Structures are given as structure tokens and as C-alpha cells.
Amino acid sequence: MASATTDRPVQERSVATRAALLDAAIDCLVDRGYAATTTIETARRAGVSRGAQLHHFPTKAQLLATAVEHLFDRRRAEFREAFAAIDPAADRIDAAIDLLWSLFQGPAFVAWTELWVAARTDPELAATVTAVERRFTAETAALFAEIFPAQPGGDEALYGIARDFAFAVVNGVAFQRLFQPGERPASDYLDVLKRLFRLAGLET
């Protein structure tokens, strides 16, 4: 019993240290970009020793590959919380697309973009990023079907591509705005998405 009691705080500290390193890695990606993100800087930001960092993540590749998973879990939780919070009395299409856009504005999107670009020339990172993206796509597709079940008389072809099209548009607009505002306000693209969702028969 004494051993179990003694081990628990050690395990809790280990989990906390790991989480701090992953959060710090994401923060570093946002602030400094992939190339300038190092294990040393990550350890400093996390407030842990170099030895503790090496114990959990011996290499930058391992650290950032795990950060991808950590980021996925965060994004998944954000999506579920946001969509669950939609007011039942609100227009679900308006609310869902506005919430979707808001989730592409924070640091998680910036960090994810850094990892995607870096993965182009890093096969190890690319494998992890691709696997995480596939999981994310599958889970958000299931969530989309829950929120917007197919309606009788709707356009099946439009319904089938609506989720992917919405993500592609929102992702593209958000990516453009990492560098410049763009000629059109984001609301123009969101308004078109909402119209397309209605044409696809997604109103409930």
C-alpha cells in the first residue's frame, strides 16, 4: 500500500511534465515556427529540466510527433464542445459554420499549419500528421452526420461533399489570413457556405 501511495505522486508528476512539454512545443511552434522549435527551448518554456525532457522525448521528431497527437485531441475536444454548445433555438447552419470558422483562428491552427508544412520534407512527421488528419476527418465526419442528418429530398451529391468542402474553404481562407487579410472579408465565404448547406438540404 505504501509503495502504491508513493508511486502515485511520481506518476502524476510524470504526466504533468509530459503535458507541459507538449503544450510548450505547440506554443513554440506558434511563436517561432517549426525550424526554430528545439527541444531545449521547449524544455525551458515548460519549466522542466533538460534531463526530464530527454526522458520523455529524446528527439525533436518524437516530441513533435507526439505534439501532433496532443493537438489532435485538443482540436477534437474543442469541436465537440463548440458544437454541443449550439443553442437549440438558433439557426444550426449559421451557428455551426460560424463556430467552425472560430476554431480556425487560434494558435492550434497556426501550430497545425507549421507541422503540415514541415511534414512535406520529413517522412517520419508526415506519417504521423497524415494518420492524425485521417482520424480527425473520420471523427468530424461522424459529428457532422449527427448535427446534420441527411434530409429526404436533399441533394445527395451535395450532402456527400458538404463537410469536406466546408473544411477546405475554411482552411484555405484561414491559411490566406496568416499572411494577409485578403481582398474579401471572411464573412463572404462563410455566407456562401451557409447557402450551399441549405441547397444540400442540411436544414433541420
N, C-alpha and C. Protein backbone atom coordinates (compact mmCIF):
# COMPACT_ATOMS: atom_id res chain seq x y z
N MET A 1 0.83 -1.20 0.00
CA MET A 1 0.00 0.00 0.00
C MET A 1 0.86 1.25 0.00
N ALA A 2 1.92 1.22 0.81
CA ALA A 2 2.79 2.38 0.89
C ALA A 2 3.46 2.65 -0.44
N SER A 3 3.85 1.55 -1.14
CA SER A 3 4.51 1.70 -2.43
C SER A 3 3.56 2.34 -3.44
N ALA A 4 2.31 1.88 -3.47
CA ALA A 4 1.33 2.42 -4.41
C ALA A 4 1.08 3.89 -4.13
N THR A 5 1.01 4.24 -2.84
CA THR A 5 0.79 5.64 -2.45
C THR A 5 1.97 6.50 -2.85
N THR A 6 3.17 5.96 -2.71
CA THR A 6 4.37 6.71 -3.05
C THR A 6 4.51 6.88 -4.55
N ASP A 7 4.12 5.82 -5.32
CA ASP A 7 4.27 5.87 -6.77
C ASP A 7 3.29 6.85 -7.42
N ARG A 8 2.12 7.03 -6.81
CA ARG A 8 1.10 7.85 -7.45
C ARG A 8 1.56 9.29 -7.69
N PRO A 9 2.14 9.97 -6.69
CA PRO A 9 2.61 11.33 -6.97
C PRO A 9 3.68 11.36 -8.05
N VAL A 10 4.53 10.34 -8.10
CA VAL A 10 5.57 10.29 -9.13
C VAL A 10 4.92 10.17 -10.51
N GLN A 11 3.91 9.31 -10.62
CA GLN A 11 3.22 9.15 -11.89
C GLN A 11 2.49 10.42 -12.29
N GLU A 12 1.89 11.08 -11.31
CA GLU A 12 1.18 12.32 -11.59
C GLU A 12 2.14 13.40 -12.07
N ARG A 13 3.32 13.45 -11.45
CA ARG A 13 4.32 14.43 -11.89
C ARG A 13 4.79 14.12 -13.30
N SER A 14 4.94 12.85 -13.60
CA SER A 14 5.38 12.45 -14.93
C SER A 14 4.35 12.86 -15.99
N VAL A 15 3.08 12.63 -15.70
CA VAL A 15 2.01 13.02 -16.62
C VAL A 15 1.99 14.53 -16.80
N ALA A 16 2.15 15.26 -15.69
CA ALA A 16 2.14 16.72 -15.74
C ALA A 16 3.32 17.24 -16.54
N THR A 17 4.48 16.62 -16.35
CA THR A 17 5.68 17.04 -17.08
C THR A 17 5.50 16.81 -18.57
N ARG A 18 4.97 15.66 -18.92
CA ARG A 18 4.74 15.34 -20.32
C ARG A 18 3.77 16.33 -20.96
N ALA A 19 2.67 16.62 -20.27
CA ALA A 19 1.69 17.56 -20.79
C ALA A 19 2.29 18.95 -20.95
N ALA A 20 3.12 19.37 -19.98
CA ALA A 20 3.76 20.68 -20.05
C ALA A 20 4.69 20.77 -21.26
N LEU A 21 5.41 19.71 -21.52
CA LEU A 21 6.32 19.69 -22.68
C LEU A 21 5.54 19.78 -23.99
N LEU A 22 4.43 19.07 -24.07
CA LEU A 22 3.64 19.09 -25.30
C LEU A 22 3.00 20.47 -25.52
N ASP A 23 2.48 21.05 -24.46
CA ASP A 23 1.91 22.40 -24.57
C ASP A 23 2.99 23.40 -24.96
N ALA A 24 4.17 23.26 -24.38
CA ALA A 24 5.27 24.17 -24.70
C ALA A 24 5.72 24.00 -26.14
N ALA A 25 5.71 22.77 -26.64
CA ALA A 25 6.10 22.52 -28.03
C ALA A 25 5.14 23.22 -28.98
N ILE A 26 3.84 23.15 -28.68
CA ILE A 26 2.84 23.81 -29.52
C ILE A 26 3.01 25.32 -29.46
N ASP A 27 3.22 25.86 -28.25
CA ASP A 27 3.44 27.30 -28.10
C ASP A 27 4.67 27.76 -28.88
N CYS A 28 5.72 26.94 -28.84
CA CYS A 28 6.94 27.28 -29.55
C CYS A 28 6.73 27.25 -31.06
N LEU A 29 5.95 26.29 -31.53
CA LEU A 29 5.62 26.24 -32.96
C LEU A 29 4.90 27.51 -33.40
N VAL A 30 3.99 27.97 -32.57
CA VAL A 30 3.23 29.17 -32.90
C VAL A 30 4.12 30.41 -32.88
N ASP A 31 4.96 30.53 -31.87
CA ASP A 31 5.78 31.73 -31.69
C ASP A 31 6.98 31.79 -32.63
N ARG A 32 7.62 30.62 -32.85
CA ARG A 32 8.90 30.62 -33.54
C ARG A 32 8.93 29.84 -34.85
N GLY A 33 7.90 29.04 -35.10
CA GLY A 33 7.90 28.23 -36.30
C GLY A 33 8.61 26.91 -36.10
N TYR A 34 8.41 26.00 -37.06
CA TYR A 34 8.95 24.65 -36.92
C TYR A 34 10.48 24.64 -36.85
N ALA A 35 11.13 25.36 -37.74
CA ALA A 35 12.60 25.31 -37.83
C ALA A 35 13.26 25.76 -36.53
N ALA A 36 12.67 26.76 -35.88
CA ALA A 36 13.28 27.31 -34.66
C ALA A 36 12.77 26.65 -33.39
N THR A 37 11.89 25.68 -33.53
CA THR A 37 11.42 24.94 -32.35
C THR A 37 12.44 23.86 -32.01
N THR A 38 13.02 23.95 -30.82
CA THR A 38 14.03 22.99 -30.39
C THR A 38 13.60 22.34 -29.08
N THR A 39 14.21 21.21 -28.80
CA THR A 39 13.89 20.53 -27.54
C THR A 39 14.37 21.36 -26.35
N ILE A 40 15.47 22.05 -26.51
CA ILE A 40 16.00 22.88 -25.42
C ILE A 40 15.04 24.02 -25.10
N GLU A 41 14.57 24.70 -26.14
CA GLU A 41 13.63 25.80 -25.94
C GLU A 41 12.31 25.29 -25.38
N THR A 42 11.88 24.14 -25.84
CA THR A 42 10.65 23.56 -25.33
C THR A 42 10.76 23.25 -23.84
N ALA A 43 11.88 22.67 -23.43
CA ALA A 43 12.09 22.36 -22.01
C ALA A 43 12.09 23.63 -21.18
N ARG A 44 12.74 24.69 -21.72
CA ARG A 44 12.78 25.96 -20.99
C ARG A 44 11.38 26.52 -20.79
N ARG A 45 10.58 26.49 -21.85
CA ARG A 45 9.22 27.03 -21.76
C ARG A 45 8.34 26.19 -20.84
N ALA A 46 8.60 24.89 -20.82
CA ALA A 46 7.81 24.00 -19.97
C ALA A 46 8.22 24.09 -18.51
N GLY A 47 9.40 24.67 -18.25
CA GLY A 47 9.89 24.77 -16.88
C GLY A 47 10.37 23.46 -16.33
N VAL A 48 10.90 22.60 -17.21
CA VAL A 48 11.42 21.31 -16.76
C VAL A 48 12.89 21.21 -17.13
N SER A 49 13.57 20.28 -16.49
CA SER A 49 15.00 20.11 -16.75
C SER A 49 15.23 19.46 -18.11
N ARG A 50 16.43 19.66 -18.62
CA ARG A 50 16.81 19.02 -19.88
C ARG A 50 16.74 17.50 -19.74
N GLY A 51 17.13 16.99 -18.58
CA GLY A 51 17.08 15.55 -18.36
C GLY A 51 15.66 15.01 -18.41
N ALA A 52 14.72 15.76 -17.82
CA ALA A 52 13.32 15.32 -17.84
C ALA A 52 12.78 15.33 -19.26
N GLN A 53 13.18 16.35 -20.03
CA GLN A 53 12.74 16.42 -21.42
C GLN A 53 13.27 15.23 -22.21
N LEU A 54 14.55 14.91 -22.03
CA LEU A 54 15.15 13.79 -22.76
C LEU A 54 14.53 12.46 -22.34
N HIS A 55 14.12 12.37 -21.10
CA HIS A 55 13.48 11.15 -20.61
C HIS A 55 12.17 10.89 -21.34
N HIS A 56 11.40 11.95 -21.53
CA HIS A 56 10.09 11.80 -22.17
C HIS A 56 10.20 11.80 -23.70
N PHE A 57 11.02 12.68 -24.23
CA PHE A 57 11.14 12.83 -25.69
C PHE A 57 12.61 13.02 -26.06
N PRO A 58 13.30 11.95 -26.38
CA PRO A 58 14.74 12.03 -26.67
C PRO A 58 15.08 12.88 -27.90
N THR A 59 14.15 12.96 -28.87
CA THR A 59 14.43 13.70 -30.10
C THR A 59 13.32 14.70 -30.41
N LYS A 60 13.66 15.66 -31.25
CA LYS A 60 12.67 16.64 -31.69
C LYS A 60 11.55 15.95 -32.46
N ALA A 61 11.91 14.97 -33.28
CA ALA A 61 10.90 14.25 -34.08
C ALA A 61 9.88 13.58 -33.17
N GLN A 62 10.34 12.93 -32.11
CA GLN A 62 9.43 12.26 -31.19
C GLN A 62 8.56 13.28 -30.46
N LEU A 63 9.16 14.38 -30.06
CA LEU A 63 8.42 15.43 -29.35
C LEU A 63 7.30 15.98 -30.22
N LEU A 64 7.62 16.35 -31.46
CA LEU A 64 6.63 16.99 -32.30
C LEU A 64 5.62 15.98 -32.86
N ALA A 65 6.05 14.75 -33.05
CA ALA A 65 5.09 13.72 -33.47
C ALA A 65 4.03 13.52 -32.40
N THR A 66 4.46 13.50 -31.14
CA THR A 66 3.51 13.35 -30.04
C THR A 66 2.68 14.62 -29.88
N ALA A 67 3.30 15.76 -30.15
CA ALA A 67 2.56 17.03 -30.08
C ALA A 67 1.43 17.05 -31.10
N VAL A 68 1.64 16.39 -32.24
CA VAL A 68 0.58 16.29 -33.24
C VAL A 68 -0.64 15.58 -32.64
N GLU A 69 -0.38 14.46 -31.97
CA GLU A 69 -1.47 13.72 -31.33
C GLU A 69 -2.14 14.57 -30.25
N HIS A 70 -1.33 15.25 -29.47
CA HIS A 70 -1.83 16.12 -28.42
C HIS A 70 -2.71 17.22 -29.02
N LEU A 71 -2.25 17.77 -30.13
CA LEU A 71 -3.00 18.83 -30.80
C LEU A 71 -4.31 18.29 -31.35
N PHE A 72 -4.28 17.09 -31.89
CA PHE A 72 -5.50 16.46 -32.40
C PHE A 72 -6.53 16.31 -31.29
N ASP A 73 -6.09 15.79 -30.14
CA ASP A 73 -7.02 15.60 -29.02
C ASP A 73 -7.63 16.93 -28.59
N ARG A 74 -6.81 17.97 -28.61
CA ARG A 74 -7.31 19.29 -28.23
C ARG A 74 -8.33 19.78 -29.25
N ARG A 75 -8.02 19.65 -30.53
CA ARG A 75 -8.94 20.12 -31.57
C ARG A 75 -10.25 19.34 -31.53
N ARG A 76 -10.16 18.04 -31.32
CA ARG A 76 -11.36 17.21 -31.26
C ARG A 76 -12.24 17.67 -30.10
N ALA A 77 -11.64 17.91 -28.94
CA ALA A 77 -12.41 18.36 -27.78
C ALA A 77 -13.04 19.73 -28.04
N GLU A 78 -12.28 20.61 -28.68
CA GLU A 78 -12.81 21.94 -28.98
C GLU A 78 -14.02 21.85 -29.92
N PHE A 79 -13.91 21.00 -30.94
CA PHE A 79 -15.02 20.85 -31.87
C PHE A 79 -16.26 20.32 -31.16
N ARG A 80 -16.09 19.29 -30.36
CA ARG A 80 -17.24 18.69 -29.68
C ARG A 80 -17.88 19.68 -28.70
N GLU A 81 -17.06 20.39 -27.96
CA GLU A 81 -17.59 21.36 -27.01
C GLU A 81 -18.33 22.48 -27.74
N ALA A 82 -17.73 22.96 -28.83
CA ALA A 82 -18.33 24.07 -29.56
C ALA A 82 -19.67 23.68 -30.18
N PHE A 83 -19.72 22.54 -30.84
CA PHE A 83 -20.96 22.13 -31.48
C PHE A 83 -22.02 21.73 -30.47
N ALA A 84 -21.60 21.16 -29.34
CA ALA A 84 -22.56 20.79 -28.31
C ALA A 84 -23.20 22.02 -27.67
N ALA A 85 -22.49 23.15 -27.75
CA ALA A 85 -22.97 24.37 -27.12
C ALA A 85 -23.91 25.19 -28.00
N ILE A 86 -24.18 24.73 -29.21
CA ILE A 86 -25.08 25.46 -30.10
C ILE A 86 -26.48 25.53 -29.47
N ASP A 87 -27.03 26.71 -29.42
CA ASP A 87 -28.37 26.92 -28.87
C ASP A 87 -29.39 26.17 -29.74
N PRO A 88 -30.20 25.30 -29.14
CA PRO A 88 -31.20 24.55 -29.93
C PRO A 88 -32.13 25.46 -30.71
N ALA A 89 -32.33 26.69 -30.21
CA ALA A 89 -33.24 27.61 -30.88
C ALA A 89 -32.56 28.38 -32.01
N ALA A 90 -31.26 28.29 -32.10
CA ALA A 90 -30.52 29.05 -33.11
C ALA A 90 -30.58 28.35 -34.46
N ASP A 91 -30.29 29.10 -35.51
CA ASP A 91 -30.16 28.51 -36.84
C ASP A 91 -28.89 27.64 -36.82
N ARG A 92 -29.06 26.34 -36.96
CA ARG A 92 -27.94 25.42 -36.78
C ARG A 92 -26.87 25.57 -37.86
N ILE A 93 -27.29 25.89 -39.07
CA ILE A 93 -26.31 26.08 -40.13
C ILE A 93 -25.46 27.32 -39.85
N ASP A 94 -26.11 28.42 -39.53
CA ASP A 94 -25.36 29.64 -39.21
C ASP A 94 -24.41 29.40 -38.04
N ALA A 95 -24.94 28.81 -36.98
CA ALA A 95 -24.14 28.61 -35.77
C ALA A 95 -22.98 27.65 -36.02
N ALA A 96 -23.23 26.56 -36.72
CA ALA A 96 -22.19 25.56 -36.95
C ALA A 96 -21.04 26.11 -37.78
N ILE A 97 -21.35 26.84 -38.85
CA ILE A 97 -20.29 27.37 -39.70
C ILE A 97 -19.55 28.50 -39.02
N ASP A 98 -20.25 29.33 -38.27
CA ASP A 98 -19.56 30.39 -37.51
C ASP A 98 -18.61 29.79 -36.48
N LEU A 99 -19.05 28.72 -35.80
CA LEU A 99 -18.19 28.06 -34.83
C LEU A 99 -17.00 27.38 -35.51
N LEU A 100 -17.26 26.77 -36.65
CA LEU A 100 -16.18 26.15 -37.40
C LEU A 100 -15.10 27.18 -37.74
N TRP A 101 -15.52 28.33 -38.20
CA TRP A 101 -14.57 29.39 -38.55
C TRP A 101 -13.79 29.84 -37.32
N SER A 102 -14.46 29.98 -36.20
CA SER A 102 -13.78 30.46 -34.99
C SER A 102 -12.67 29.51 -34.55
N LEU A 103 -12.85 28.21 -34.83
CA LEU A 103 -11.85 27.22 -34.42
C LEU A 103 -10.61 27.25 -35.30
N PHE A 104 -10.67 27.98 -36.41
CA PHE A 104 -9.51 28.12 -37.29
C PHE A 104 -8.78 29.44 -37.05
N GLN A 105 -9.10 30.11 -35.94
CA GLN A 105 -8.49 31.40 -35.67
C GLN A 105 -7.41 31.35 -34.59
N GLY A 106 -7.38 30.30 -33.80
CA GLY A 106 -6.49 30.27 -32.64
C GLY A 106 -5.12 29.68 -32.92
N PRO A 107 -4.32 29.55 -31.87
CA PRO A 107 -2.96 29.02 -32.01
C PRO A 107 -2.90 27.58 -32.49
N ALA A 108 -3.94 26.80 -32.22
CA ALA A 108 -3.91 25.41 -32.65
C ALA A 108 -3.81 25.32 -34.17
N PHE A 109 -4.51 26.21 -34.87
CA PHE A 109 -4.45 26.19 -36.33
C PHE A 109 -3.06 26.57 -36.83
N VAL A 110 -2.45 27.57 -36.19
CA VAL A 110 -1.10 28.00 -36.58
C VAL A 110 -0.10 26.86 -36.38
N ALA A 111 -0.18 26.21 -35.22
CA ALA A 111 0.74 25.10 -34.94
C ALA A 111 0.52 23.96 -35.93
N TRP A 112 -0.74 23.67 -36.22
CA TRP A 112 -1.05 22.60 -37.17
C TRP A 112 -0.49 22.92 -38.56
N THR A 113 -0.59 24.18 -38.97
CA THR A 113 -0.05 24.60 -40.26
C THR A 113 1.46 24.41 -40.30
N GLU A 114 2.14 24.79 -39.23
CA GLU A 114 3.59 24.60 -39.17
C GLU A 114 3.97 23.13 -39.34
N LEU A 115 3.21 22.25 -38.70
CA LEU A 115 3.50 20.82 -38.78
C LEU A 115 3.21 20.28 -40.18
N TRP A 116 2.14 20.75 -40.79
CA TRP A 116 1.80 20.29 -42.14
C TRP A 116 2.90 20.67 -43.13
N VAL A 117 3.35 21.91 -43.07
CA VAL A 117 4.39 22.36 -44.00
C VAL A 117 5.68 21.59 -43.76
N ALA A 118 6.05 21.40 -42.50
CA ALA A 118 7.28 20.67 -42.17
C ALA A 118 7.19 19.21 -42.61
N ALA A 119 6.01 18.65 -42.56
CA ALA A 119 5.83 17.24 -42.91
C ALA A 119 6.12 16.96 -44.38
N ARG A 120 6.07 17.98 -45.21
CA ARG A 120 6.32 17.79 -46.65
C ARG A 120 7.70 17.18 -46.90
N THR A 121 8.68 17.55 -46.09
CA THR A 121 10.05 17.06 -46.30
C THR A 121 10.54 16.20 -45.14
N ASP A 122 9.63 15.79 -44.27
CA ASP A 122 10.00 14.96 -43.12
C ASP A 122 9.10 13.72 -43.11
N PRO A 123 9.56 12.60 -43.69
CA PRO A 123 8.71 11.41 -43.81
C PRO A 123 8.16 10.92 -42.47
N GLU A 124 8.97 10.97 -41.42
CA GLU A 124 8.50 10.50 -40.11
C GLU A 124 7.36 11.36 -39.60
N LEU A 125 7.53 12.67 -39.70
CA LEU A 125 6.48 13.58 -39.27
C LEU A 125 5.27 13.47 -40.19
N ALA A 126 5.51 13.29 -41.48
CA ALA A 126 4.41 13.18 -42.44
C ALA A 126 3.51 11.99 -42.12
N ALA A 127 4.11 10.88 -41.75
CA ALA A 127 3.32 9.69 -41.43
C ALA A 127 2.39 9.95 -40.25
N THR A 128 2.92 10.64 -39.24
CA THR A 128 2.12 10.94 -38.06
C THR A 128 1.04 11.96 -38.37
N VAL A 129 1.40 13.02 -39.08
CA VAL A 129 0.44 14.06 -39.42
C VAL A 129 -0.70 13.48 -40.26
N THR A 130 -0.36 12.63 -41.23
CA THR A 130 -1.38 12.02 -42.09
C THR A 130 -2.32 11.14 -41.28
N ALA A 131 -1.77 10.34 -40.39
CA ALA A 131 -2.59 9.46 -39.56
C ALA A 131 -3.54 10.26 -38.68
N VAL A 132 -3.03 11.33 -38.10
CA VAL A 132 -3.85 12.17 -37.23
C VAL A 132 -4.94 12.86 -38.05
N GLU A 133 -4.60 13.34 -39.23
CA GLU A 133 -5.59 14.01 -40.08
C GLU A 133 -6.71 13.05 -40.48
N ARG A 134 -6.35 11.79 -40.75
CA ARG A 134 -7.37 10.81 -41.11
C ARG A 134 -8.32 10.55 -39.94
N ARG A 135 -7.77 10.46 -38.74
CA ARG A 135 -8.61 10.28 -37.55
C ARG A 135 -9.52 11.49 -37.37
N PHE A 136 -8.94 12.67 -37.52
CA PHE A 136 -9.69 13.91 -37.34
C PHE A 136 -10.83 13.98 -38.36
N THR A 137 -10.53 13.62 -39.61
CA THR A 137 -11.55 13.65 -40.66
C THR A 137 -12.67 12.68 -40.36
N ALA A 138 -12.33 11.47 -39.94
CA ALA A 138 -13.34 10.46 -39.64
C ALA A 138 -14.23 10.90 -38.49
N GLU A 139 -13.64 11.46 -37.45
CA GLU A 139 -14.44 11.84 -36.28
C GLU A 139 -15.30 13.06 -36.56
N THR A 140 -14.77 14.03 -37.29
CA THR A 140 -15.58 15.21 -37.59
C THR A 140 -16.67 14.87 -38.60
N ALA A 141 -16.41 13.91 -39.49
CA ALA A 141 -17.44 13.48 -40.42
C ALA A 141 -18.61 12.84 -39.67
N ALA A 142 -18.28 12.03 -38.66
CA ALA A 142 -19.33 11.41 -37.85
C ALA A 142 -20.11 12.47 -37.08
N LEU A 143 -19.40 13.47 -36.55
CA LEU A 143 -20.05 14.56 -35.83
C LEU A 143 -20.95 15.37 -36.77
N PHE A 144 -20.47 15.61 -37.98
CA PHE A 144 -21.24 16.33 -38.98
C PHE A 144 -22.56 15.61 -39.26
N ALA A 145 -22.49 14.28 -39.39
CA ALA A 145 -23.69 13.49 -39.67
C ALA A 145 -24.68 13.55 -38.51
N GLU A 146 -24.15 13.67 -37.28
CA GLU A 146 -25.02 13.79 -36.11
C GLU A 146 -25.76 15.13 -36.13
N ILE A 147 -25.03 16.18 -36.45
CA ILE A 147 -25.60 17.52 -36.40
C ILE A 147 -26.52 17.77 -37.59
N PHE A 148 -26.11 17.27 -38.76
CA PHE A 148 -26.88 17.49 -39.98
C PHE A 148 -27.21 16.16 -40.65
N PRO A 149 -28.16 15.42 -40.11
CA PRO A 149 -28.54 14.16 -40.77
C PRO A 149 -29.11 14.44 -42.16
N ALA A 150 -28.88 13.52 -43.08
CA ALA A 150 -29.40 13.68 -44.44
C ALA A 150 -30.92 13.80 -44.40
N GLN A 151 -31.44 14.75 -45.18
CA GLN A 151 -32.88 15.01 -45.20
C GLN A 151 -33.51 14.46 -46.48
N PRO A 152 -34.71 13.91 -46.37
CA PRO A 152 -35.41 13.43 -47.57
C PRO A 152 -35.57 14.56 -48.58
N GLY A 153 -35.27 14.26 -49.82
CA GLY A 153 -35.42 15.27 -50.86
C GLY A 153 -34.21 16.15 -51.05
N GLY A 154 -33.18 15.99 -50.20
CA GLY A 154 -31.97 16.80 -50.34
C GLY A 154 -31.10 16.28 -51.47
N ASP A 155 -30.15 17.10 -51.87
CA ASP A 155 -29.23 16.72 -52.94
C ASP A 155 -28.16 15.80 -52.34
N GLU A 156 -28.18 14.53 -52.69
CA GLU A 156 -27.26 13.56 -52.10
C GLU A 156 -25.81 13.87 -52.43
N ALA A 157 -25.55 14.31 -53.66
CA ALA A 157 -24.18 14.61 -54.05
C ALA A 157 -23.63 15.78 -53.24
N LEU A 158 -24.45 16.82 -53.08
CA LEU A 158 -24.01 17.98 -52.29
C LEU A 158 -23.81 17.59 -50.82
N TYR A 159 -24.73 16.79 -50.32
CA TYR A 159 -24.61 16.37 -48.92
C TYR A 159 -23.32 15.58 -48.71
N GLY A 160 -23.00 14.72 -49.67
CA GLY A 160 -21.83 13.87 -49.51
C GLY A 160 -20.52 14.63 -49.43
N ILE A 161 -20.47 15.81 -50.09
CA ILE A 161 -19.22 16.55 -50.10
C ILE A 161 -19.26 17.79 -49.20
N ALA A 162 -20.40 18.07 -48.60
CA ALA A 162 -20.58 19.32 -47.86
C ALA A 162 -19.56 19.50 -46.75
N ARG A 163 -19.35 18.45 -45.94
CA ARG A 163 -18.41 18.57 -44.81
C ARG A 163 -17.00 18.85 -45.31
N ASP A 164 -16.53 18.07 -46.28
CA ASP A 164 -15.16 18.24 -46.78
C ASP A 164 -15.00 19.60 -47.45
N PHE A 165 -16.02 20.02 -48.18
CA PHE A 165 -15.95 21.31 -48.86
C PHE A 165 -15.87 22.45 -47.85
N ALA A 166 -16.68 22.35 -46.79
CA ALA A 166 -16.67 23.39 -45.75
C ALA A 166 -15.29 23.50 -45.11
N PHE A 167 -14.69 22.36 -44.78
CA PHE A 167 -13.37 22.38 -44.16
C PHE A 167 -12.31 22.92 -45.13
N ALA A 168 -12.43 22.55 -46.40
CA ALA A 168 -11.45 23.01 -47.38
C ALA A 168 -11.51 24.53 -47.53
N VAL A 169 -12.72 25.07 -47.60
CA VAL A 169 -12.87 26.51 -47.76
C VAL A 169 -12.38 27.25 -46.52
N VAL A 170 -12.83 26.82 -45.35
CA VAL A 170 -12.45 27.49 -44.11
C VAL A 170 -10.94 27.40 -43.89
N ASN A 171 -10.38 26.23 -44.16
CA ASN A 171 -8.94 26.06 -44.02
C ASN A 171 -8.18 26.99 -44.98
N GLY A 172 -8.64 27.08 -46.22
CA GLY A 172 -7.98 27.93 -47.20
C GLY A 172 -8.05 29.40 -46.84
N VAL A 173 -9.22 29.85 -46.39
CA VAL A 173 -9.37 31.25 -46.01
C VAL A 173 -8.51 31.57 -44.78
N ALA A 174 -8.50 30.66 -43.81
CA ALA A 174 -7.68 30.87 -42.61
C ALA A 174 -6.19 30.89 -42.96
N PHE A 175 -5.78 30.01 -43.86
CA PHE A 175 -4.37 29.97 -44.26
C PHE A 175 -3.97 31.26 -44.95
N GLN A 176 -4.82 31.77 -45.83
CA GLN A 176 -4.54 33.02 -46.51
C GLN A 176 -4.34 34.15 -45.51
N ARG A 177 -5.14 34.16 -44.46
CA ARG A 177 -5.09 35.25 -43.49
C ARG A 177 -3.94 35.14 -42.51
N LEU A 178 -3.15 34.08 -42.63
CA LEU A 178 -1.90 34.04 -41.86
C LEU A 178 -0.91 35.07 -42.39
N PHE A 179 -1.09 35.45 -43.66
CA PHE A 179 -0.13 36.34 -44.31
C PHE A 179 -0.71 37.70 -44.65
N GLN A 180 -1.98 37.73 -45.07
CA GLN A 180 -2.61 38.99 -45.44
C GLN A 180 -4.13 38.88 -45.27
N PRO A 181 -4.81 40.00 -45.11
CA PRO A 181 -6.26 39.95 -44.86
C PRO A 181 -7.05 39.35 -46.02
N GLY A 182 -6.59 39.53 -47.24
CA GLY A 182 -7.35 39.04 -48.38
C GLY A 182 -8.27 40.13 -48.92
N GLU A 183 -8.66 39.99 -50.19
CA GLU A 183 -9.50 41.01 -50.82
C GLU A 183 -10.94 40.96 -50.33
N ARG A 184 -11.40 39.78 -49.97
CA ARG A 184 -12.77 39.62 -49.49
C ARG A 184 -12.78 39.37 -47.98
N PRO A 185 -13.77 39.86 -47.28
CA PRO A 185 -13.88 39.51 -45.86
C PRO A 185 -14.26 38.05 -45.71
N ALA A 186 -13.84 37.45 -44.62
CA ALA A 186 -14.15 36.04 -44.39
C ALA A 186 -15.64 35.77 -44.39
N SER A 187 -16.42 36.75 -43.98
CA SER A 187 -17.88 36.56 -43.91
C SER A 187 -18.48 36.26 -45.29
N ASP A 188 -17.85 36.75 -46.36
CA ASP A 188 -18.36 36.46 -47.70
C ASP A 188 -18.31 34.96 -47.98
N TYR A 189 -17.18 34.33 -47.63
CA TYR A 189 -17.03 32.90 -47.85
C TYR A 189 -17.97 32.10 -46.95
N LEU A 190 -18.11 32.55 -45.72
CA LEU A 190 -18.99 31.85 -44.79
C LEU A 190 -20.45 31.94 -45.25
N ASP A 191 -20.83 33.08 -45.78
CA ASP A 191 -22.21 33.23 -46.26
C ASP A 191 -22.49 32.27 -47.42
N VAL A 192 -21.52 32.10 -48.31
CA VAL A 192 -21.69 31.18 -49.43
C VAL A 192 -21.79 29.74 -48.92
N LEU A 193 -20.96 29.39 -47.94
CA LEU A 193 -21.03 28.06 -47.36
C LEU A 193 -22.41 27.78 -46.77
N LYS A 194 -22.95 28.75 -46.08
CA LYS A 194 -24.27 28.58 -45.47
C LYS A 194 -25.33 28.37 -46.55
N ARG A 195 -25.22 29.11 -47.64
CA ARG A 195 -26.18 28.94 -48.74
C ARG A 195 -26.06 27.55 -49.35
N LEU A 196 -24.81 27.08 -49.52
CA LEU A 196 -24.61 25.76 -50.10
C LEU A 196 -25.16 24.66 -49.18
N PHE A 197 -24.97 24.84 -47.87
CA PHE A 197 -25.51 23.86 -46.92
C PHE A 197 -27.03 23.78 -47.04
N ARG A 198 -27.67 24.92 -47.25
CA ARG A 198 -29.13 24.90 -47.39
C ARG A 198 -29.55 24.26 -48.72
N LEU A 199 -28.77 24.51 -49.77
CA LEU A 199 -29.06 23.87 -51.05
C LEU A 199 -28.90 22.36 -50.95
N ALA A 200 -27.99 21.92 -50.08
CA ALA A 200 -27.76 20.50 -49.91
C ALA A 200 -28.83 19.85 -49.03
N GLY A 201 -29.77 20.66 -48.54
CA GLY A 201 -30.86 20.12 -47.73
C GLY A 201 -30.43 19.79 -46.32
N LEU A 202 -29.51 20.60 -45.75
CA LEU A 202 -28.99 20.31 -44.41
C LEU A 202 -29.78 20.99 -43.31
N GLU A 203 -30.77 21.76 -43.65
CA GLU A 203 -31.57 22.42 -42.62
C GLU A 203 -32.37 21.36 -41.86
N THR A 204 -32.45 21.54 -40.53
CA THR A 204 -33.20 20.59 -39.71
C THR A 204 -34.32 21.30 -38.97
